């Protein structure tokens, strides 16, 4: 099943981001901030960049960023917001539209690869995790964050989308065959 065919495919995200204002807070994800603050800025790949909160924070922190999303509406909002908040940081961000079920980043190309709450169905998620791991440059960092799939977090809302959820073991199993990094 391609991302285009999934209920949360391109049409869903285009519509969501077509609405006025921000769909999300505009703030960077707290896990990204906590993990990336101590890293030396280099080349960052922000997967599922949405309206660009993470990409903008990274660029403001000195990173050269590529923000990737399936939605042209999200990317347009991200670009406009970045330019209005910090023109210098905005110049360090390249925005690209890709369907992550049919695109892979260049291997060993990024010092930080960040995927915050990117949930793809079935094997598409595993394929993405492996591609993201392979995109990490030697000595770089892979940061994949998702919703907790433990029983404590299996509330009614997430139970409807269980096929999209993953745990640490799922990520590790998917990237187990990735090339060594060092």
N, C-alpha and C. Protein backbone atom coordinates (compact mmCIF):
# COMPACT_ATOMS: atom_id res chain seq x y z
N UNK A 1 0.84 -1.18 0.00
CA UNK A 1 0.00 0.00 0.00
C UNK A 1 0.89 1.24 0.00
N UNK A 2 0.74 2.09 -1.00
CA UNK A 2 1.53 3.31 -1.03
C UNK A 2 0.93 4.34 -0.09
N UNK A 3 1.73 5.34 0.22
CA UNK A 3 1.24 6.41 1.10
C UNK A 3 0.04 7.10 0.47
N UNK A 4 0.02 7.19 -0.85
CA UNK A 4 -1.09 7.82 -1.56
C UNK A 4 -2.40 7.05 -1.32
N UNK A 5 -2.32 5.72 -1.17
CA UNK A 5 -3.51 4.89 -1.00
C UNK A 5 -3.97 4.79 0.45
N UNK A 6 -3.13 5.13 1.38
CA UNK A 6 -3.44 5.01 2.80
C UNK A 6 -4.41 6.11 3.23
N UNK A 7 -5.26 5.85 4.24
CA UNK A 7 -6.20 6.88 4.70
C UNK A 7 -5.51 8.19 5.09
N UNK A 8 -4.24 8.11 5.51
CA UNK A 8 -3.49 9.31 5.83
C UNK A 8 -2.48 9.60 4.73
N UNK A 9 -2.90 9.45 3.48
CA UNK A 9 -2.04 9.69 2.33
C UNK A 9 -1.96 11.16 1.99
N UNK A 10 -1.45 11.44 0.81
CA UNK A 10 -1.20 12.82 0.40
C UNK A 10 -2.46 13.69 0.45
N UNK A 11 -3.59 13.18 -0.03
CA UNK A 11 -4.81 13.99 -0.03
C UNK A 11 -5.20 14.41 1.39
N UNK A 12 -5.06 13.49 2.34
CA UNK A 12 -5.37 13.81 3.74
C UNK A 12 -4.50 14.97 4.22
N UNK A 13 -3.17 14.86 3.98
CA UNK A 13 -2.26 15.88 4.48
C UNK A 13 -2.40 17.20 3.73
N UNK A 14 -2.67 17.14 2.43
CA UNK A 14 -2.89 18.39 1.69
C UNK A 14 -4.10 19.14 2.26
N UNK A 15 -5.17 18.41 2.53
CA UNK A 15 -6.36 19.03 3.10
C UNK A 15 -6.10 19.58 4.50
N UNK A 16 -5.43 18.78 5.31
CA UNK A 16 -5.15 19.22 6.68
C UNK A 16 -4.33 20.51 6.69
N UNK A 17 -3.32 20.59 5.83
CA UNK A 17 -2.45 21.76 5.82
C UNK A 17 -3.01 22.91 4.98
N UNK A 18 -4.11 22.70 4.27
CA UNK A 18 -4.73 23.77 3.50
C UNK A 18 -5.49 24.74 4.41
N UNK A 19 -5.87 24.29 5.59
CA UNK A 19 -6.61 25.13 6.52
C UNK A 19 -5.75 26.30 6.97
N UNK A 20 -6.38 27.44 7.26
CA UNK A 20 -5.60 28.59 7.75
C UNK A 20 -4.94 28.28 9.09
N UNK A 21 -3.85 28.98 9.35
CA UNK A 21 -3.16 28.79 10.62
C UNK A 21 -2.34 27.52 10.62
N UNK A 22 -1.79 27.21 11.79
CA UNK A 22 -0.95 26.03 11.94
C UNK A 22 -1.78 24.84 12.42
N UNK A 23 -1.49 23.67 11.88
CA UNK A 23 -2.15 22.44 12.34
C UNK A 23 -1.54 21.98 13.66
N UNK A 24 -0.27 22.30 13.88
CA UNK A 24 0.45 21.93 15.09
C UNK A 24 0.90 23.19 15.81
N UNK A 25 1.65 23.07 16.86
CA UNK A 25 2.04 24.23 17.67
C UNK A 25 3.06 25.14 16.97
N UNK A 26 3.85 24.59 16.05
CA UNK A 26 4.93 25.36 15.47
C UNK A 26 6.23 25.24 16.25
N UNK A 27 6.13 24.66 17.44
CA UNK A 27 7.31 24.45 18.29
C UNK A 27 8.04 23.19 17.84
N UNK A 28 9.35 23.13 18.11
CA UNK A 28 10.06 21.89 17.80
C UNK A 28 9.63 20.79 18.77
N UNK A 29 9.73 19.55 18.34
CA UNK A 29 9.41 18.42 19.20
C UNK A 29 10.40 18.38 20.36
N UNK A 30 9.91 18.22 21.59
CA UNK A 30 10.79 18.24 22.77
C UNK A 30 11.89 17.17 22.75
N UNK A 31 11.61 16.00 22.22
CA UNK A 31 12.63 14.95 22.17
C UNK A 31 13.76 15.37 21.23
N UNK A 32 13.42 15.99 20.12
CA UNK A 32 14.45 16.48 19.21
C UNK A 32 15.33 17.50 19.92
N UNK A 33 14.73 18.45 20.59
CA UNK A 33 15.49 19.49 21.29
C UNK A 33 16.40 18.84 22.34
N UNK A 34 15.86 17.92 23.13
CA UNK A 34 16.64 17.27 24.18
C UNK A 34 17.82 16.49 23.61
N UNK A 35 17.62 15.80 22.50
CA UNK A 35 18.66 14.95 21.94
C UNK A 35 19.65 15.70 21.05
N UNK A 36 19.18 16.72 20.34
CA UNK A 36 20.04 17.40 19.36
C UNK A 36 20.80 18.60 19.92
N UNK A 37 20.40 19.09 21.07
CA UNK A 37 21.06 20.27 21.64
C UNK A 37 22.56 20.06 21.82
N UNK A 38 22.97 18.87 22.20
CA UNK A 38 24.38 18.61 22.46
C UNK A 38 25.15 18.16 21.21
N UNK A 39 24.47 17.99 20.09
CA UNK A 39 25.14 17.55 18.86
C UNK A 39 25.81 18.72 18.15
N UNK A 40 26.90 18.44 17.48
CA UNK A 40 27.57 19.45 16.66
C UNK A 40 26.77 19.62 15.38
N UNK A 41 26.33 20.85 15.07
CA UNK A 41 25.55 21.05 13.85
C UNK A 41 26.29 20.63 12.59
N UNK A 42 25.54 20.06 11.69
CA UNK A 42 26.04 19.60 10.40
C UNK A 42 24.87 19.58 9.44
N UNK A 43 24.70 18.46 8.75
CA UNK A 43 23.60 18.29 7.80
C UNK A 43 22.49 17.49 8.47
N UNK A 44 21.28 18.05 8.50
CA UNK A 44 20.14 17.37 9.13
C UNK A 44 19.07 17.08 8.09
N UNK A 45 18.44 15.94 8.26
CA UNK A 45 17.31 15.54 7.43
C UNK A 45 16.11 15.40 8.34
N UNK A 46 15.09 16.22 8.10
CA UNK A 46 13.86 16.23 8.91
C UNK A 46 12.76 15.55 8.10
N UNK A 47 12.42 14.32 8.48
CA UNK A 47 11.45 13.52 7.75
C UNK A 47 10.04 13.80 8.28
N UNK A 48 9.10 14.07 7.38
CA UNK A 48 7.75 14.42 7.79
C UNK A 48 7.75 15.79 8.45
N UNK A 49 8.38 16.74 7.79
CA UNK A 49 8.64 18.05 8.40
C UNK A 49 7.40 18.90 8.65
N UNK A 50 6.28 18.57 8.02
CA UNK A 50 5.05 19.32 8.27
C UNK A 50 5.26 20.81 8.07
N UNK A 51 4.84 21.58 9.05
CA UNK A 51 4.92 23.03 8.97
C UNK A 51 6.29 23.58 9.39
N UNK A 52 7.24 22.69 9.65
CA UNK A 52 8.62 23.10 9.78
C UNK A 52 9.14 23.49 11.14
N UNK A 53 8.44 23.20 12.21
CA UNK A 53 8.92 23.57 13.54
C UNK A 53 10.28 22.98 13.86
N UNK A 54 10.47 21.70 13.56
CA UNK A 54 11.75 21.05 13.83
C UNK A 54 12.85 21.58 12.91
N UNK A 55 12.55 21.69 11.62
CA UNK A 55 13.54 22.17 10.66
C UNK A 55 13.98 23.59 11.01
N UNK A 56 13.06 24.43 11.39
CA UNK A 56 13.40 25.80 11.75
C UNK A 56 14.28 25.84 12.99
N UNK A 57 13.93 25.06 14.00
CA UNK A 57 14.74 25.02 15.22
C UNK A 57 16.16 24.54 14.90
N UNK A 58 16.26 23.49 14.09
CA UNK A 58 17.57 22.98 13.71
C UNK A 58 18.38 24.05 12.96
N UNK A 59 17.77 24.71 12.00
CA UNK A 59 18.46 25.75 11.24
C UNK A 59 18.88 26.91 12.14
N UNK A 60 18.04 27.28 13.09
CA UNK A 60 18.38 28.35 14.03
C UNK A 60 19.51 27.91 14.96
N UNK A 61 19.70 26.60 15.08
CA UNK A 61 20.78 26.05 15.91
C UNK A 61 22.05 25.80 15.10
N UNK A 62 22.06 26.21 13.83
CA UNK A 62 23.26 26.12 13.01
C UNK A 62 23.31 24.98 12.01
N UNK A 63 22.29 24.15 11.93
CA UNK A 63 22.27 23.02 11.01
C UNK A 63 21.91 23.46 9.60
N UNK A 64 22.41 22.73 8.61
CA UNK A 64 21.93 22.81 7.23
C UNK A 64 20.85 21.73 7.14
N UNK A 65 19.63 22.12 6.83
CA UNK A 65 18.48 21.21 6.98
C UNK A 65 17.80 20.95 5.65
N UNK A 66 17.39 19.70 5.46
CA UNK A 66 16.47 19.35 4.40
C UNK A 66 15.20 18.87 5.08
N UNK A 67 14.11 19.60 4.84
CA UNK A 67 12.81 19.22 5.38
C UNK A 67 12.02 18.51 4.31
N UNK A 68 11.55 17.30 4.61
CA UNK A 68 10.83 16.47 3.64
C UNK A 68 9.42 16.21 4.13
N UNK A 69 8.46 16.44 3.26
CA UNK A 69 7.06 16.13 3.58
C UNK A 69 6.34 15.75 2.30
N UNK A 70 5.21 15.07 2.45
CA UNK A 70 4.40 14.67 1.29
C UNK A 70 3.49 15.80 0.82
N UNK A 71 3.24 16.78 1.67
CA UNK A 71 2.27 17.83 1.39
C UNK A 71 2.92 19.13 0.90
N UNK A 72 2.54 19.57 -0.29
CA UNK A 72 3.02 20.86 -0.79
C UNK A 72 2.47 21.99 0.07
N UNK A 73 1.25 21.84 0.59
CA UNK A 73 0.68 22.87 1.46
C UNK A 73 1.51 23.01 2.74
N UNK A 74 1.92 21.89 3.33
CA UNK A 74 2.74 21.94 4.54
C UNK A 74 4.07 22.61 4.24
N UNK A 75 4.68 22.25 3.13
CA UNK A 75 5.98 22.82 2.79
C UNK A 75 5.88 24.32 2.51
N UNK A 76 4.80 24.75 1.88
CA UNK A 76 4.60 26.18 1.64
C UNK A 76 4.46 26.93 2.96
N UNK A 77 3.69 26.36 3.89
CA UNK A 77 3.55 27.00 5.21
C UNK A 77 4.89 27.03 5.94
N UNK A 78 5.63 25.92 5.86
CA UNK A 78 6.92 25.84 6.54
C UNK A 78 7.88 26.89 5.99
N UNK A 79 7.96 26.99 4.67
CA UNK A 79 8.85 27.96 4.04
C UNK A 79 8.48 29.39 4.45
N UNK A 80 7.20 29.72 4.36
CA UNK A 80 6.75 31.07 4.70
C UNK A 80 7.00 31.39 6.17
N UNK A 81 6.73 30.44 7.04
CA UNK A 81 6.94 30.66 8.46
C UNK A 81 8.42 30.84 8.76
N UNK A 82 9.27 30.00 8.21
CA UNK A 82 10.71 30.10 8.45
C UNK A 82 11.22 31.46 7.98
N UNK A 83 10.80 31.91 6.81
CA UNK A 83 11.23 33.20 6.30
C UNK A 83 10.76 34.35 7.18
N UNK A 84 9.56 34.22 7.75
CA UNK A 84 9.05 35.30 8.60
C UNK A 84 9.68 35.31 9.99
N UNK A 85 10.11 34.16 10.47
CA UNK A 85 10.70 34.06 11.82
C UNK A 85 12.19 34.41 11.80
N UNK A 86 12.94 33.86 10.85
CA UNK A 86 14.39 34.07 10.83
C UNK A 86 14.90 33.81 9.41
N UNK A 87 15.10 34.88 8.67
CA UNK A 87 15.54 34.77 7.28
C UNK A 87 16.87 34.07 7.11
N UNK A 88 17.79 34.27 8.07
CA UNK A 88 19.09 33.61 7.98
C UNK A 88 18.94 32.10 8.15
N UNK A 89 18.13 31.70 9.11
CA UNK A 89 17.88 30.27 9.32
C UNK A 89 17.13 29.69 8.13
N UNK A 90 16.16 30.43 7.62
CA UNK A 90 15.38 29.95 6.46
C UNK A 90 16.28 29.65 5.28
N UNK A 91 17.36 30.41 5.13
CA UNK A 91 18.30 30.19 4.02
C UNK A 91 19.08 28.89 4.19
N UNK A 92 19.08 28.32 5.40
CA UNK A 92 19.78 27.05 5.64
C UNK A 92 18.85 25.84 5.51
N UNK A 93 17.61 26.08 5.06
CA UNK A 93 16.64 24.98 4.93
C UNK A 93 16.28 24.79 3.46
N UNK A 94 16.36 23.55 3.01
CA UNK A 94 15.86 23.17 1.68
C UNK A 94 14.61 22.33 1.91
N UNK A 95 13.53 22.67 1.26
CA UNK A 95 12.25 21.97 1.42
C UNK A 95 12.04 21.07 0.21
N UNK A 96 11.69 19.80 0.46
CA UNK A 96 11.47 18.85 -0.63
C UNK A 96 10.20 18.04 -0.38
N UNK A 97 9.42 17.86 -1.46
CA UNK A 97 8.21 17.04 -1.36
C UNK A 97 8.54 15.64 -1.88
N UNK A 98 8.31 14.66 -1.01
CA UNK A 98 8.52 13.26 -1.39
C UNK A 98 7.47 12.39 -0.70
N UNK A 99 7.08 11.33 -1.37
CA UNK A 99 6.26 10.28 -0.79
C UNK A 99 7.25 9.27 -0.22
N UNK A 100 7.25 9.13 1.09
CA UNK A 100 8.24 8.29 1.75
C UNK A 100 8.07 6.80 1.49
N UNK A 101 6.98 6.41 0.85
CA UNK A 101 6.82 5.00 0.49
C UNK A 101 7.51 4.68 -0.84
N UNK A 102 7.96 5.72 -1.55
CA UNK A 102 8.61 5.48 -2.84
C UNK A 102 9.90 6.27 -3.02
N UNK A 103 10.38 6.91 -1.98
CA UNK A 103 11.60 7.73 -2.03
C UNK A 103 12.50 7.34 -0.87
N UNK A 104 13.78 7.39 -1.11
CA UNK A 104 14.75 7.16 -0.05
C UNK A 104 15.80 8.26 -0.10
N UNK A 105 16.26 8.71 1.05
CA UNK A 105 17.32 9.71 1.06
C UNK A 105 18.64 9.11 0.60
N UNK A 106 19.55 9.97 0.21
CA UNK A 106 20.88 9.54 -0.22
C UNK A 106 21.60 8.87 0.94
N UNK A 107 22.18 7.70 0.73
CA UNK A 107 22.91 7.02 1.80
C UNK A 107 24.05 7.86 2.36
N UNK A 108 24.24 7.74 3.66
CA UNK A 108 25.35 8.37 4.39
C UNK A 108 25.45 9.88 4.14
N UNK A 109 24.31 10.55 3.99
CA UNK A 109 24.31 11.95 3.59
C UNK A 109 24.01 12.95 4.71
N UNK A 110 23.58 12.47 5.88
CA UNK A 110 23.15 13.40 6.93
C UNK A 110 23.78 13.06 8.28
N UNK A 111 24.17 14.10 8.98
CA UNK A 111 24.75 13.92 10.31
C UNK A 111 23.66 13.66 11.35
N UNK A 112 22.47 14.13 11.06
CA UNK A 112 21.30 13.87 11.91
C UNK A 112 20.13 13.54 11.00
N UNK A 113 19.51 12.41 11.23
CA UNK A 113 18.28 12.05 10.54
C UNK A 113 17.21 11.95 11.62
N UNK A 114 16.19 12.79 11.50
CA UNK A 114 15.14 12.86 12.52
C UNK A 114 13.79 12.57 11.90
N UNK A 115 13.07 11.66 12.51
CA UNK A 115 11.71 11.32 12.11
C UNK A 115 10.85 11.37 13.37
N UNK A 116 10.05 12.40 13.49
CA UNK A 116 9.23 12.62 14.67
C UNK A 116 7.76 12.27 14.34
N UNK A 117 7.29 11.16 14.86
CA UNK A 117 5.90 10.73 14.71
C UNK A 117 5.50 10.47 13.26
N UNK A 118 6.44 9.88 12.50
CA UNK A 118 6.14 9.46 11.13
C UNK A 118 5.67 8.02 11.19
N UNK A 119 4.40 7.81 10.96
CA UNK A 119 3.82 6.47 11.06
C UNK A 119 3.32 6.03 9.69
N UNK A 120 3.93 4.97 9.18
CA UNK A 120 3.51 4.40 7.90
C UNK A 120 2.99 2.99 8.14
N UNK A 121 2.07 2.53 7.32
CA UNK A 121 1.47 1.21 7.52
C UNK A 121 2.40 0.06 7.14
N UNK A 122 2.27 -1.04 7.89
CA UNK A 122 2.92 -2.31 7.56
C UNK A 122 4.38 -2.22 7.24
N UNK A 123 4.76 -2.87 6.15
CA UNK A 123 6.17 -2.94 5.78
C UNK A 123 6.72 -1.59 5.34
N UNK A 124 5.87 -0.65 4.97
CA UNK A 124 6.36 0.67 4.54
C UNK A 124 7.14 1.34 5.67
N UNK A 125 6.70 1.16 6.91
CA UNK A 125 7.43 1.72 8.04
C UNK A 125 8.79 1.10 8.19
N UNK A 126 8.87 -0.21 8.07
CA UNK A 126 10.16 -0.91 8.18
C UNK A 126 11.12 -0.49 7.07
N UNK A 127 10.60 -0.37 5.87
CA UNK A 127 11.42 0.06 4.74
C UNK A 127 11.94 1.48 4.98
N UNK A 128 11.08 2.35 5.50
CA UNK A 128 11.50 3.71 5.80
C UNK A 128 12.58 3.73 6.87
N UNK A 129 12.39 2.98 7.96
CA UNK A 129 13.39 2.97 9.04
C UNK A 129 14.77 2.56 8.50
N UNK A 130 14.79 1.54 7.67
CA UNK A 130 16.07 1.08 7.10
C UNK A 130 16.69 2.16 6.22
N UNK A 131 15.87 2.81 5.39
CA UNK A 131 16.38 3.87 4.51
C UNK A 131 16.92 5.05 5.34
N UNK A 132 16.24 5.36 6.43
CA UNK A 132 16.71 6.46 7.28
C UNK A 132 18.02 6.10 7.95
N UNK A 133 18.14 4.87 8.41
CA UNK A 133 19.39 4.43 9.04
C UNK A 133 20.53 4.50 8.03
N UNK A 134 20.27 4.12 6.80
CA UNK A 134 21.30 4.15 5.77
C UNK A 134 21.68 5.57 5.37
N UNK A 135 20.81 6.54 5.65
CA UNK A 135 21.09 7.95 5.31
C UNK A 135 22.01 8.62 6.32
N UNK A 136 22.25 7.99 7.46
CA UNK A 136 23.09 8.58 8.50
C UNK A 136 24.56 8.47 8.10
N UNK A 137 25.25 9.61 8.13
CA UNK A 137 26.69 9.64 7.83
C UNK A 137 27.46 9.00 8.98
N UNK A 138 28.65 8.52 8.71
CA UNK A 138 29.47 7.94 9.79
C UNK A 138 29.59 8.93 10.97
N UNK A 139 29.36 8.41 12.17
CA UNK A 139 29.41 9.23 13.37
C UNK A 139 28.15 10.04 13.62
N UNK A 140 27.15 9.89 12.75
CA UNK A 140 25.91 10.66 12.86
C UNK A 140 24.90 10.04 13.80
N UNK A 141 23.73 10.65 13.83
CA UNK A 141 22.68 10.26 14.76
C UNK A 141 21.38 10.00 14.01
N UNK A 142 20.73 8.90 14.36
CA UNK A 142 19.40 8.57 13.88
C UNK A 142 18.45 8.75 15.05
N UNK A 143 17.44 9.59 14.89
CA UNK A 143 16.46 9.85 15.95
C UNK A 143 15.07 9.59 15.39
N UNK A 144 14.49 8.47 15.80
CA UNK A 144 13.14 8.10 15.39
C UNK A 144 12.25 8.11 16.62
N UNK A 145 11.20 8.92 16.59
CA UNK A 145 10.28 9.06 17.71
C UNK A 145 8.88 8.74 17.22
N UNK A 146 8.17 7.94 18.01
CA UNK A 146 6.78 7.60 17.69
C UNK A 146 5.96 7.56 18.95
N UNK A 147 4.70 7.27 18.79
CA UNK A 147 3.80 7.14 19.93
C UNK A 147 4.10 5.84 20.67
N UNK A 148 4.00 5.86 21.98
CA UNK A 148 4.22 4.69 22.82
C UNK A 148 3.17 3.64 22.50
N UNK A 149 3.61 2.43 22.19
CA UNK A 149 2.67 1.37 21.85
C UNK A 149 2.40 0.44 23.02
N UNK A 150 2.88 0.79 24.18
CA UNK A 150 2.64 -0.05 25.35
C UNK A 150 1.16 -0.09 25.69
N UNK A 151 0.77 -1.06 26.48
CA UNK A 151 -0.63 -1.19 26.89
C UNK A 151 -1.11 0.06 27.62
N UNK A 152 -0.22 0.70 28.36
CA UNK A 152 -0.60 1.92 29.09
C UNK A 152 -1.00 3.04 28.15
N UNK A 153 -0.53 2.99 26.90
CA UNK A 153 -0.81 4.06 25.96
C UNK A 153 -1.76 3.62 24.85
N UNK A 154 -2.36 2.45 24.99
CA UNK A 154 -3.22 1.92 23.94
C UNK A 154 -4.65 2.43 24.11
N UNK A 155 -4.78 3.73 24.23
CA UNK A 155 -6.10 4.35 24.39
C UNK A 155 -6.95 4.15 23.16
N UNK A 156 -8.21 4.54 23.26
CA UNK A 156 -9.16 4.32 22.18
C UNK A 156 -8.69 4.96 20.87
N UNK A 157 -8.18 6.19 20.92
CA UNK A 157 -7.75 6.88 19.70
C UNK A 157 -6.66 6.09 18.97
N UNK A 158 -5.63 5.68 19.68
CA UNK A 158 -4.52 4.98 19.04
C UNK A 158 -4.89 3.54 18.69
N UNK A 159 -5.83 2.95 19.39
CA UNK A 159 -6.23 1.58 19.09
C UNK A 159 -6.79 1.48 17.67
N UNK A 160 -7.41 2.55 17.17
CA UNK A 160 -7.94 2.55 15.82
C UNK A 160 -6.84 2.53 14.76
N UNK A 161 -5.67 2.96 15.11
CA UNK A 161 -4.58 3.04 14.15
C UNK A 161 -3.40 2.19 14.58
N UNK A 162 -3.66 1.08 15.20
CA UNK A 162 -2.63 0.19 15.72
C UNK A 162 -1.63 -0.23 14.64
N UNK A 163 -2.11 -0.41 13.40
CA UNK A 163 -1.21 -0.86 12.33
C UNK A 163 -0.16 0.20 11.97
N UNK A 164 -0.35 1.43 12.45
CA UNK A 164 0.61 2.50 12.18
C UNK A 164 1.64 2.66 13.29
N UNK A 165 1.39 2.06 14.43
CA UNK A 165 2.26 2.24 15.59
C UNK A 165 3.45 1.29 15.54
N UNK A 166 4.53 1.68 16.22
CA UNK A 166 5.73 0.87 16.27
C UNK A 166 6.42 1.08 17.61
N UNK A 167 7.27 0.15 17.94
CA UNK A 167 8.06 0.25 19.15
C UNK A 167 9.54 0.20 18.82
N UNK A 168 10.37 0.34 19.82
CA UNK A 168 11.82 0.32 19.64
C UNK A 168 12.25 -0.98 18.96
N UNK A 169 11.69 -2.11 19.38
CA UNK A 169 12.07 -3.39 18.78
C UNK A 169 11.74 -3.44 17.30
N UNK A 170 10.64 -2.80 16.89
CA UNK A 170 10.28 -2.76 15.47
C UNK A 170 11.33 -1.97 14.68
N UNK A 171 11.77 -0.86 15.24
CA UNK A 171 12.78 -0.04 14.56
C UNK A 171 14.09 -0.80 14.47
N UNK A 172 14.51 -1.39 15.58
CA UNK A 172 15.77 -2.14 15.58
C UNK A 172 15.74 -3.32 14.61
N UNK A 173 14.62 -4.01 14.56
CA UNK A 173 14.51 -5.14 13.63
C UNK A 173 14.60 -4.66 12.18
N UNK A 174 14.00 -3.51 11.90
CA UNK A 174 14.01 -2.98 10.54
C UNK A 174 15.40 -2.55 10.10
N UNK A 175 16.17 -1.96 11.02
CA UNK A 175 17.48 -1.44 10.63
C UNK A 175 18.61 -2.43 10.85
N UNK A 176 18.30 -3.59 11.38
CA UNK A 176 19.33 -4.60 11.68
C UNK A 176 20.19 -4.91 10.48
N UNK A 177 19.62 -4.89 9.28
CA UNK A 177 20.38 -5.19 8.08
C UNK A 177 21.07 -3.99 7.46
N UNK A 178 20.91 -2.81 8.08
CA UNK A 178 21.54 -1.61 7.53
C UNK A 178 23.06 -1.71 7.64
N UNK A 179 23.75 -1.02 6.76
CA UNK A 179 25.22 -1.03 6.76
C UNK A 179 25.76 -0.47 8.06
N UNK A 180 26.89 -0.98 8.54
CA UNK A 180 27.52 -0.40 9.72
C UNK A 180 27.91 1.05 9.47
N UNK A 181 27.89 1.85 10.50
CA UNK A 181 28.12 3.29 10.38
C UNK A 181 29.56 3.71 10.57
N UNK A 182 30.45 2.97 10.97
CA UNK A 182 31.71 3.58 11.31
C UNK A 182 32.88 3.02 10.72
